[in-house]
Protein backbone atom coordinates (compact mmCIF):
# COMPACT_ATOMS: atom_id res chain seq x y z
CA MET A 1 -33.48 61.32 5.09
CA SER A 2 -30.98 60.60 7.36
CA ALA A 3 -31.74 60.18 11.36
CA THR A 4 -31.49 63.49 13.38
CA ILE A 5 -31.85 64.18 16.90
CA ASN A 6 -31.96 68.05 17.82
CA GLY A 7 -30.39 68.90 14.55
CA VAL A 8 -27.48 66.60 14.81
CA GLU A 9 -27.47 63.95 11.99
CA ILE A 10 -26.70 60.53 13.30
CA ASN A 11 -24.22 59.58 10.72
CA GLN A 12 -21.04 58.29 11.65
CA LYS A 13 -18.88 59.33 8.05
CA LYS A 14 -20.31 62.79 8.45
CA ASN A 15 -20.59 63.64 12.25
CA GLY A 16 -18.53 60.69 14.07
CA THR A 17 -20.18 58.16 16.27
CA TYR A 18 -23.09 59.54 18.40
CA ILE A 19 -22.21 58.63 22.02
CA VAL A 20 -25.28 57.75 24.42
CA LEU A 21 -24.81 57.03 28.18
CA GLU A 22 -27.76 55.17 29.31
CA ALA A 23 -28.62 56.40 33.05
CA GLY A 24 -32.37 55.01 33.30
CA PRO A 25 -31.79 51.54 34.64
CA THR A 26 -29.22 52.66 37.44
CA HIS A 27 -30.26 55.94 39.00
CA TYR A 28 -32.32 55.49 42.53
CA GLY A 29 -33.92 59.31 42.34
CA LEU A 30 -33.43 62.44 41.21
CA GLU A 31 -30.30 63.40 42.78
CA SER A 32 -28.37 60.29 41.46
CA ALA A 33 -30.05 60.66 37.87
CA LYS A 34 -28.41 64.19 37.86
CA ALA A 35 -25.18 62.96 39.00
CA LEU A 36 -25.30 60.57 36.35
CA VAL A 37 -26.33 63.44 33.59
CA THR A 38 -22.87 65.28 35.03
CA MET A 39 -20.69 61.92 34.41
CA ALA A 40 -22.15 61.65 30.93
CA LYS A 41 -21.44 65.47 30.39
CA GLU A 42 -17.77 65.18 31.75
CA ALA A 43 -17.34 62.10 29.79
CA GLY A 44 -17.99 63.92 26.54
CA ALA A 45 -21.03 61.85 25.61
CA ASN A 46 -23.62 63.52 23.18
CA ALA A 47 -26.85 62.43 25.09
CA VAL A 48 -27.85 60.86 28.11
CA LYS A 49 -30.60 58.35 28.20
CA PHE A 50 -33.48 57.43 30.80
CA GLN A 51 -36.60 55.47 30.81
CA TYR A 52 -40.00 56.96 31.59
CA LEU A 53 -41.96 54.15 33.33
CA TYR A 54 -44.13 53.18 36.06
CA ALA A 55 -44.13 49.69 37.59
CA ASP A 56 -47.51 49.45 38.76
CA ARG A 57 -49.10 50.10 35.37
CA LEU A 58 -46.57 48.52 33.25
CA VAL A 59 -46.13 45.26 35.10
CA ALA A 60 -49.67 43.54 35.86
CA ASP A 61 -48.52 40.32 37.42
CA LYS A 62 -46.32 41.56 40.17
CA SER A 63 -44.99 37.98 40.75
CA VAL A 64 -43.04 37.56 37.32
CA MET A 65 -39.54 36.94 38.63
CA PHE A 66 -36.33 38.31 36.78
CA SER A 67 -32.78 37.22 37.08
CA TYR A 68 -29.65 38.62 36.01
CA LYS A 69 -25.81 38.98 37.11
CA ALA A 70 -24.74 41.41 40.15
CA LEU A 71 -21.12 42.36 41.01
CA GLU A 72 -19.68 41.65 44.34
CA ARG A 73 -15.98 43.23 45.04
CA ASP A 74 -14.23 42.48 48.14
CA ALA A 75 -11.87 44.30 50.61
CA SER A 76 -8.76 43.70 48.36
CA GLY A 77 -10.77 44.79 45.20
CA HIS A 78 -11.30 41.11 43.62
CA GLU A 79 -14.54 40.86 41.77
CA ARG A 80 -17.31 37.84 40.92
CA LEU A 81 -20.50 37.94 39.53
CA ILE A 82 -23.30 36.10 41.25
CA GLU A 83 -26.88 35.06 40.17
CA VAL A 84 -29.42 37.49 41.46
CA GLU A 85 -33.26 36.94 40.95
CA GLU A 86 -35.92 39.56 42.12
CA PRO A 87 -39.58 40.73 40.58
CA LEU A 88 -39.52 42.46 37.82
CA HIS A 89 -41.87 44.82 38.99
CA THR A 90 -39.68 45.85 41.93
CA ILE A 91 -36.47 46.23 39.64
CA LEU A 92 -38.47 48.66 37.22
CA ALA A 93 -39.85 50.46 40.58
CA ARG A 94 -36.48 51.59 41.31
CA ARG A 95 -36.53 53.63 38.09
CA GLU A 96 -39.21 55.60 38.53
CA LEU A 97 -39.41 59.56 38.81
CA GLN A 98 -42.41 61.82 39.54
CA THR A 99 -43.53 64.33 37.09
CA HIS A 100 -42.04 67.18 38.84
CA GLU A 101 -38.61 65.31 39.00
CA TRP A 102 -38.73 64.82 35.53
CA LYS A 103 -39.00 68.59 34.65
CA GLU A 104 -36.42 69.32 36.89
CA LEU A 105 -34.04 66.86 35.50
CA LYS A 106 -34.45 67.76 31.83
CA LYS A 107 -34.27 71.29 32.79
CA TYR A 108 -30.62 70.40 34.43
CA CYS A 109 -29.77 68.44 31.18
CA ASP A 110 -30.42 71.83 29.30
CA GLU A 111 -28.42 73.77 31.54
CA ILE A 112 -25.12 71.97 31.38
CA ASP A 113 -26.02 71.27 27.61
CA ILE A 114 -26.23 67.73 26.89
CA THR A 115 -29.14 66.22 25.11
CA MET A 116 -31.59 64.08 27.01
CA PHE A 117 -33.95 61.44 25.82
CA SER A 118 -36.05 58.60 27.03
CA THR A 119 -37.66 55.02 26.55
CA ALA A 120 -41.58 55.30 26.84
CA THR A 121 -43.98 52.90 27.31
CA PHE A 122 -47.59 54.39 26.99
CA PRO A 123 -48.80 57.14 24.57
CA ASP A 124 -49.65 59.52 27.45
CA GLU A 125 -46.10 59.34 28.41
CA VAL A 126 -44.80 59.95 24.96
CA ASP A 127 -47.11 63.41 24.92
CA PHE A 128 -45.37 64.30 28.36
CA LEU A 129 -42.09 63.91 27.23
CA VAL A 130 -42.51 65.42 23.91
CA ASP A 131 -45.27 67.97 24.41
CA GLU A 132 -44.05 69.18 27.80
CA LEU A 133 -40.37 68.32 27.96
CA GLY A 134 -39.41 68.98 24.31
CA ILE A 135 -38.00 65.43 24.08
CA ASP A 136 -36.76 65.21 20.73
CA SER A 137 -36.40 61.45 20.26
CA ILE A 138 -38.33 58.74 21.83
CA LYS A 139 -36.70 55.22 22.17
CA ILE A 140 -39.12 52.11 22.17
CA ALA A 141 -37.79 49.14 24.13
CA SER A 142 -36.99 45.97 22.44
CA SER A 143 -39.94 44.19 24.03
CA ASP A 144 -42.32 46.86 22.45
CA VAL A 145 -41.12 46.32 18.86
CA ALA A 146 -44.31 44.41 18.04
CA GLU A 147 -46.37 46.90 19.68
CA LEU A 148 -47.18 48.42 16.20
CA ASP A 149 -50.00 50.93 17.30
CA PHE A 150 -47.68 52.27 19.77
CA ILE A 151 -44.98 52.65 17.55
CA ARG A 152 -47.38 54.32 15.22
CA TYR A 153 -48.30 56.70 17.91
CA CYS A 154 -44.67 57.50 18.71
CA ALA A 155 -43.97 57.96 15.10
CA SER A 156 -46.83 60.42 14.58
CA LYS A 157 -45.35 62.72 17.01
CA GLY A 158 -42.87 64.40 14.26
CA VAL A 159 -39.94 63.34 16.21
CA ASN A 160 -36.77 60.77 16.23
CA ILE A 161 -37.88 57.13 16.85
CA GLN A 162 -35.23 54.84 17.90
CA LEU A 163 -36.31 51.34 17.95
CA ASP A 164 -34.56 48.67 20.17
CA THR A 165 -34.74 44.98 18.34
CA GLY A 166 -33.60 42.98 21.21
CA SER A 167 -34.41 39.37 20.03
CA ALA A 168 -36.79 40.74 17.47
CA ASP A 169 -36.63 38.70 13.93
CA LEU A 170 -35.66 40.58 10.89
CA TRP A 171 -39.26 40.58 9.42
CA GLU A 172 -40.36 41.87 13.10
CA ILE A 173 -37.73 44.76 12.59
CA GLU A 174 -39.18 45.63 8.90
CA ARG A 175 -42.62 45.58 9.99
CA ALA A 176 -41.85 48.19 12.80
CA VAL A 177 -39.90 50.13 10.29
CA ILE A 178 -42.88 50.46 7.90
CA ALA A 179 -45.47 51.24 10.79
CA ALA A 180 -43.41 53.98 11.71
CA GLU A 181 -42.92 55.33 7.82
CA GLU A 182 -46.66 54.61 7.11
CA GLU A 183 -47.26 57.76 9.87
CA GLY A 184 -44.89 59.76 7.99
CA CYS A 185 -41.80 59.19 10.01
CA ASP A 186 -38.68 58.75 8.06
CA ASN A 187 -36.30 59.84 11.08
CA ILE A 188 -35.41 56.21 12.59
CA ILE A 189 -32.39 54.86 14.39
CA ILE A 190 -32.51 50.97 14.74
CA HIS A 191 -30.54 49.46 17.50
CA LEU A 192 -28.93 46.23 17.82
CA CYS A 193 -29.35 45.25 21.29
CA PRO A 194 -28.06 41.69 22.32
CA SER A 195 -29.99 40.03 25.38
CA GLY A 196 -28.49 39.39 28.55
CA TYR A 197 -27.38 40.97 31.49
CA PRO A 198 -24.67 40.97 30.87
CA ALA A 199 -25.00 39.73 27.18
CA HIS A 200 -22.95 36.56 26.04
CA LEU A 201 -20.39 37.04 23.27
CA GLU A 202 -22.41 34.09 21.32
CA SER A 203 -25.28 36.59 21.58
CA ILE A 204 -24.10 39.53 20.19
CA HIS A 205 -23.75 39.10 16.61
CA LEU A 206 -21.97 42.25 15.33
CA ASN A 207 -22.25 41.52 11.62
CA MET A 208 -26.00 42.06 12.04
CA LEU A 209 -24.84 45.77 11.83
CA LYS A 210 -23.68 45.41 8.35
CA THR A 211 -26.84 43.68 7.78
CA LEU A 212 -29.36 46.51 9.09
CA LYS A 213 -26.97 49.05 7.14
CA THR A 214 -27.85 47.22 3.88
CA LEU A 215 -31.33 46.49 4.58
CA PHE A 216 -32.15 50.10 6.16
CA PRO A 217 -29.87 52.21 4.19
CA ASP A 218 -31.98 55.36 5.08
CA CYS A 219 -31.88 54.57 9.00
CA GLY A 220 -29.15 55.52 11.56
CA ILE A 221 -28.00 52.18 12.74
CA ALA A 222 -26.87 51.55 16.61
CA PHE A 223 -24.96 49.42 18.91
CA SER A 224 -26.50 49.44 22.49
CA ASP A 225 -24.15 47.26 24.62
CA HIS A 226 -24.96 44.97 27.39
CA SER A 227 -21.56 43.41 27.33
CA LEU A 228 -18.64 43.63 30.25
CA GLY A 229 -16.13 46.50 29.17
CA TRP A 230 -16.12 48.39 25.82
CA ASP A 231 -14.46 46.07 23.55
CA MET A 232 -17.72 45.31 21.73
CA ASP A 233 -18.37 48.98 21.38
CA ILE A 234 -15.11 49.80 19.77
CA ALA A 235 -15.89 46.55 17.13
CA ALA A 236 -19.31 48.05 16.19
CA VAL A 237 -17.88 51.74 15.66
CA ALA A 238 -15.33 50.06 13.34
CA LEU A 239 -18.06 48.27 11.77
CA GLY A 240 -19.83 51.56 10.66
CA ALA A 241 -22.17 52.07 13.83
CA ASP A 242 -23.76 55.58 13.88
CA MET A 243 -24.50 55.66 17.46
CA VAL A 244 -23.44 53.36 20.68
CA GLU A 245 -25.19 53.29 23.67
CA LYS A 246 -23.48 52.05 27.03
CA THR A 247 -25.07 52.08 30.35
CA ILE A 248 -23.24 54.27 33.41
CA THR A 249 -23.55 53.86 37.27
CA LEU A 250 -22.04 55.48 40.04
CA ASP A 251 -21.15 52.22 41.73
CA ARG A 252 -21.14 49.07 39.54
CA THR A 253 -21.70 46.80 43.02
CA THR A 254 -25.23 48.11 43.33
CA ARG A 255 -27.48 45.29 43.85
CA SER A 256 -29.69 45.79 41.04
CA CYS A 257 -29.84 45.10 37.11
CA GLU A 258 -27.49 46.62 34.76
CA HIS A 259 -25.15 47.90 37.07
CA SER A 260 -22.53 45.16 36.86
CA PHE A 261 -21.49 45.78 33.15
CA SER A 262 -22.15 49.70 33.27
CA LEU A 263 -19.32 52.07 33.27
CA GLU A 264 -18.20 54.13 36.18
CA LYS A 265 -17.05 57.60 36.16
CA LYS A 266 -13.26 57.30 34.88
CA GLN A 267 -14.30 54.29 32.64
CA ALA A 268 -17.12 56.41 31.03
CA LEU A 269 -14.22 58.79 30.34
CA LYS A 270 -12.07 56.25 28.67
CA PHE A 271 -15.03 54.68 26.72
CA VAL A 272 -15.64 57.95 24.78
CA ASN A 273 -12.21 59.01 24.39
CA SER A 274 -11.40 55.41 23.18
CA ILE A 275 -14.20 55.54 20.57
CA ARG A 276 -12.73 59.17 19.45
CA ASP A 277 -9.41 57.68 19.05
CA VAL A 278 -10.81 54.70 16.92
CA GLU A 279 -12.79 57.06 14.82
CA ILE A 280 -9.35 58.93 14.13
CA ALA A 281 -7.47 55.84 13.47
CA LEU A 282 -10.26 54.44 11.04
CA GLY A 283 -8.93 57.30 8.61
CA ASP A 284 -10.23 57.72 5.15
CA HIS A 285 -10.79 54.76 2.55
CA ARG A 286 -8.01 56.19 0.37
CA ARG A 287 -4.23 56.37 1.67
CA VAL A 288 -4.23 59.92 2.57
CA PHE A 289 -1.03 61.20 4.09
CA PRO A 290 -0.33 64.44 5.46
CA LYS A 291 2.92 66.56 4.14
CA ASP A 292 5.05 65.56 6.95
CA VAL A 293 4.41 61.80 6.59
CA ARG A 294 5.12 62.20 2.78
CA SER A 295 8.60 63.96 3.69
CA LYS A 296 9.75 61.39 6.10
CA ARG A 297 9.06 58.43 4.25
CA MET A 298 11.69 59.67 1.66
CA LYS A 299 14.43 59.24 4.36
CA THR A 300 13.71 55.52 3.77
CA ARG A 301 13.36 55.46 0.20
CA ARG A 302 16.22 54.86 -2.32
CA SER A 303 17.31 57.40 -5.04
CA ALA A 304 20.30 57.13 -7.54
CA TYR A 305 24.13 57.69 -6.11
CA ALA A 306 27.09 57.75 -8.46
CA LYS A 307 29.27 54.81 -7.92
CA VAL A 308 32.16 56.89 -9.32
CA ASP A 309 33.03 60.66 -10.37
CA LEU A 310 30.96 61.46 -13.35
CA PRO A 311 31.90 64.32 -15.77
CA VAL A 312 29.79 66.78 -17.69
CA GLY A 313 28.87 65.63 -20.82
CA ILE A 314 28.56 61.77 -19.96
CA ALA A 315 25.78 59.94 -21.08
CA LEU A 316 23.95 58.62 -17.96
CA SER A 317 23.84 54.87 -17.72
CA ARG A 318 22.21 52.55 -14.88
CA ALA A 319 25.94 51.13 -14.27
CA HIS A 320 27.11 54.51 -13.16
CA PHE A 321 24.75 54.28 -9.97
CA GLU A 322 23.24 52.51 -7.01
CA PHE A 323 19.99 53.16 -5.66
CA ARG A 324 20.62 54.19 -1.74
CA ARG A 325 18.74 56.25 1.02
CA PRO A 326 17.28 58.37 1.45
CA GLY A 327 15.31 58.90 -1.67
CA TYR A 328 15.64 62.72 -2.25
CA GLY A 329 16.92 62.21 -5.87
CA ILE A 330 15.92 60.45 -9.10
CA THR A 331 14.24 57.32 -8.04
CA SER A 332 14.62 53.96 -9.64
CA GLN A 333 11.20 54.27 -11.58
CA GLU A 334 12.39 57.64 -12.89
CA PHE A 335 15.49 56.69 -13.84
CA ILE A 336 14.06 55.13 -17.23
CA PHE A 337 13.24 59.02 -18.25
CA VAL A 338 16.70 60.32 -17.81
CA GLU A 339 19.02 57.37 -18.95
CA GLY A 340 20.95 58.31 -21.94
CA ARG A 341 20.85 61.96 -21.45
CA VAL A 342 23.81 64.11 -21.04
CA LEU A 343 24.85 65.05 -17.73
CA LYS A 344 24.67 68.98 -17.24
CA LYS A 345 26.46 69.43 -13.80
CA GLU A 346 29.52 67.32 -12.44
CA LEU A 347 28.38 64.53 -10.17
CA LYS A 348 30.90 63.19 -7.59
CA LYS A 349 31.22 60.03 -6.25
CA ASP A 350 28.58 58.98 -3.63
CA SER A 351 26.33 62.00 -4.67
CA VAL A 352 22.61 61.83 -5.44
CA LEU A 353 21.36 62.54 -9.08
CA THR A 354 19.17 65.20 -9.28
CA LYS A 355 16.68 66.76 -11.99
CA GLU A 356 19.08 69.54 -12.15
CA HIS A 357 21.92 67.31 -13.00
CA CYS A 358 20.26 66.00 -16.28
C-alpha cells in the first residue's frame, strides 16, 4: 500500500511531488502561524507543517546549549551568516502554542483548504492532534527515530506516519519501520533529513533517496531540506522524491534557529513553481512528442528532391535525387521501397518526391 495523507497518495509518478512548507520552528505565536499558513496556501503548497511540543516537558536540562547560523542583513542588503548559541529550551519554547490556539490554527487551515500536520513528542500529544484536531499525519522527529514505543503508539492511531531520519543508521530506520508495521501501519513516509542549521553540502547525500526507494518500496520517500536556497530540492525531485519539505519564514533575519535558510513569501512561490516546472520537464521515460513538435521537426529533416525533370514512366533511381529540407516527401530510409518503380506523375526539377508519384 502506498502512503496517503487525507486521501492523497504520496507518489511523485502518480500525483506529482507533495510539497510541504514547514512553519513549526519559525512562527512566534498564533497570528504569525496563521500568516505562515496563508503564505503556504498562496505559494501553492499541498500542506503546512507545525511542531506540537512544550519545552518544559521535553527538555529536562535547561542548561543544554544549541548552536546555529543566523542571518544578518545590513542597510545596503548585504547578508552574512553569524554563529549563535542559546539554550535549546529557549529555542523550543518559542514554538509553543496553547490548546485553544492549536484548535484555532487547525480551523483556519480547514477554512482556507490546506492540509495541516504536525510533529509530536509524547503519546497524549498524538491523541490531541489525531482525536481532537483530526490530523491525518504525525511526523516523528529525527531525534526520536530510536523511540520505538513512541513510534508504535503513533502507528497504532491509524494515521499516516512520517519518519524523520536525520543521522540515523539504515538499520535504525529499518527497525523504526518494522516497529510501525508491527502495529498494523503500512502508511509510512521516510524523510531524508540532512543535519545542520543550515546543512552543509557534504552532509546531504541525495543519493540516499535512491537507496531508501530501493529498501522501502512500499513507503513514500521524502526530502526535508535544511540547506540555503532550493537547489537541493530540485535535485531531490529529479531523483524521484515523493515529497519535499522546506521551512518558511516571515523574515529570514529573525534571530532564531532555522530562519536563515527558510523561504520568505516571494521565494516560497518561486520554490513551488520551480518544482512544478521540473516535474513538467522530467516528462516521460519514453520519447513522446506532441503532434506539433513532430510536425515542426519535419521542416529540418530531409526528403527526395529531383535533380532534373523526370518524365512519367521513368524507373526511379537514387541518382535522380538529392535529399534536402524540408522532409515532407519520401525520406532516404523510405527510398529503398520505391527505387525501381515507374514514375506515375511528372516530377519537375527541385520538386519533392511523394507517395503519389510512385
